[in-house]
Amino acid sequence: MALHDKESNMDSDIITLSDGYELTNDELHEWYQELDALRDSGDINMFGAPRWLMDSFDLGRVAAREIFAMWTKQFDPHESIHND
C-alpha cells in the first residue's frame, strides 16, 4: 500500500493516498462496496478493477490502484492470521 501516511491507514477519518487524493473511511467503505458488487457480478476479471474504477468514476491511476490494493488485503490469508 502506498499511503502518504501509513499510520493513518484505517484508524483516522481522512486517508491520504500517495498522489494526494484524500478520502474518509466512509468513502473507502463505499469504494469497497462498489468493488464487492463488481466482483459479485462476475462481469470482469478483478485484476481489471483499477481500470474500471478509473473509467467509471474518473479516478486517477494511483488512487484507483491504491483503493484496489487496500480492498484486496481483506482477502489475504496471511493478513487475517496476523490480525487475530
Protein backbone atom coordinates (compact mmCIF):
# COMPACT_ATOMS: atom_id res chain seq x y z
CA MET A 1 0.00 0.00 0.00
CA ALA A 2 1.40 3.36 -0.96
CA LEU A 3 -0.26 5.66 1.53
CA HIS A 4 1.26 9.03 2.24
CA ASP A 5 0.86 8.41 5.96
CA LYS A 6 0.75 4.66 6.54
CA GLU A 7 -0.08 5.11 10.23
CA SER A 8 -3.42 6.70 9.27
CA ASN A 9 -4.40 3.72 7.13
CA MET A 10 -7.76 2.81 8.69
CA ASP A 11 -7.52 4.46 12.11
CA SER A 12 -8.26 8.07 11.19
CA ASP A 13 -11.11 9.86 9.50
CA ILE A 14 -9.05 11.00 6.49
CA ILE A 15 -6.85 8.71 4.41
CA THR A 16 -4.35 10.40 2.11
CA LEU A 17 -3.13 8.34 -0.82
CA SER A 18 0.34 8.80 -2.26
CA ASP A 19 -0.95 11.07 -5.05
CA GLY A 20 -2.60 13.40 -2.52
CA TYR A 21 -6.13 12.07 -3.08
CA GLU A 22 -7.99 12.20 0.24
CA LEU A 23 -10.93 10.11 1.31
CA THR A 24 -12.69 9.28 4.53
CA ASN A 25 -13.11 5.82 5.99
CA ASP A 26 -16.79 6.04 4.98
CA GLU A 27 -15.83 6.83 1.39
CA LEU A 28 -13.33 3.97 1.39
CA HIS A 29 -16.10 1.67 2.63
CA GLU A 30 -18.25 2.86 -0.31
CA TRP A 31 -15.42 2.00 -2.73
CA TYR A 32 -15.21 -1.44 -1.13
CA GLN A 33 -18.96 -1.91 -1.69
CA GLU A 34 -18.54 -0.95 -5.37
CA LEU A 35 -15.70 -3.45 -5.73
CA ASP A 36 -17.69 -6.15 -3.90
CA ALA A 37 -20.62 -5.60 -6.27
CA LEU A 38 -18.31 -5.75 -9.28
CA ARG A 39 -16.76 -8.99 -8.03
CA ASP A 40 -20.18 -10.48 -7.33
CA SER A 41 -21.40 -9.54 -10.83
CA GLY A 42 -18.66 -11.58 -12.49
CA ASP A 43 -18.58 -9.02 -15.30
CA ILE A 44 -14.80 -8.63 -15.35
CA ASN A 45 -11.64 -10.24 -14.07
CA MET A 46 -10.93 -8.30 -10.87
CA PHE A 47 -7.36 -7.57 -11.97
CA GLY A 48 -9.09 -5.09 -14.31
CA ALA A 49 -10.84 -3.35 -11.42
CA PRO A 50 -8.39 -0.43 -11.13
CA ARG A 51 -9.04 0.44 -14.80
CA TRP A 52 -12.78 0.03 -14.17
CA LEU A 53 -12.56 2.46 -11.22
CA MET A 54 -10.67 4.94 -13.40
CA ASP A 55 -13.15 4.72 -16.28
CA SER A 56 -16.35 4.53 -14.23
CA PHE A 57 -15.58 7.11 -11.55
CA ASP A 58 -12.91 9.31 -13.13
CA LEU A 59 -10.31 8.32 -10.54
CA GLY A 60 -6.64 8.78 -11.23
CA ARG A 61 -4.46 5.74 -11.85
CA VAL A 62 -2.65 5.93 -8.49
CA ALA A 63 -5.84 6.38 -6.46
CA ALA A 64 -7.61 3.55 -8.29
CA ARG A 65 -4.71 1.17 -7.77
CA GLU A 66 -4.31 2.04 -4.09
CA ILE A 67 -8.03 1.70 -3.36
CA PHE A 68 -8.00 -1.67 -5.13
CA ALA A 69 -4.88 -2.76 -3.20
CA MET A 70 -6.49 -1.86 0.12
CA TRP A 71 -9.65 -3.73 -0.86
CA THR A 72 -7.70 -6.86 -1.80
CA LYS A 73 -5.97 -7.00 1.60
CA GLN A 74 -9.20 -8.33 3.12
CA PHE A 75 -8.66 -11.49 1.06
CA ASP A 76 -5.03 -12.03 2.12
CA PRO A 77 -4.95 -15.17 4.31
CA HIS A 78 -1.68 -14.06 5.91
CA GLU A 79 -3.22 -10.72 6.85
CA SER A 80 -6.05 -12.39 8.81
CA ILE A 81 -3.61 -14.67 10.66
CA HIS A 82 -1.67 -11.66 11.92
CA ASN A 83 -4.76 -9.69 12.87
CA ASP A 84 -6.39 -12.39 15.00
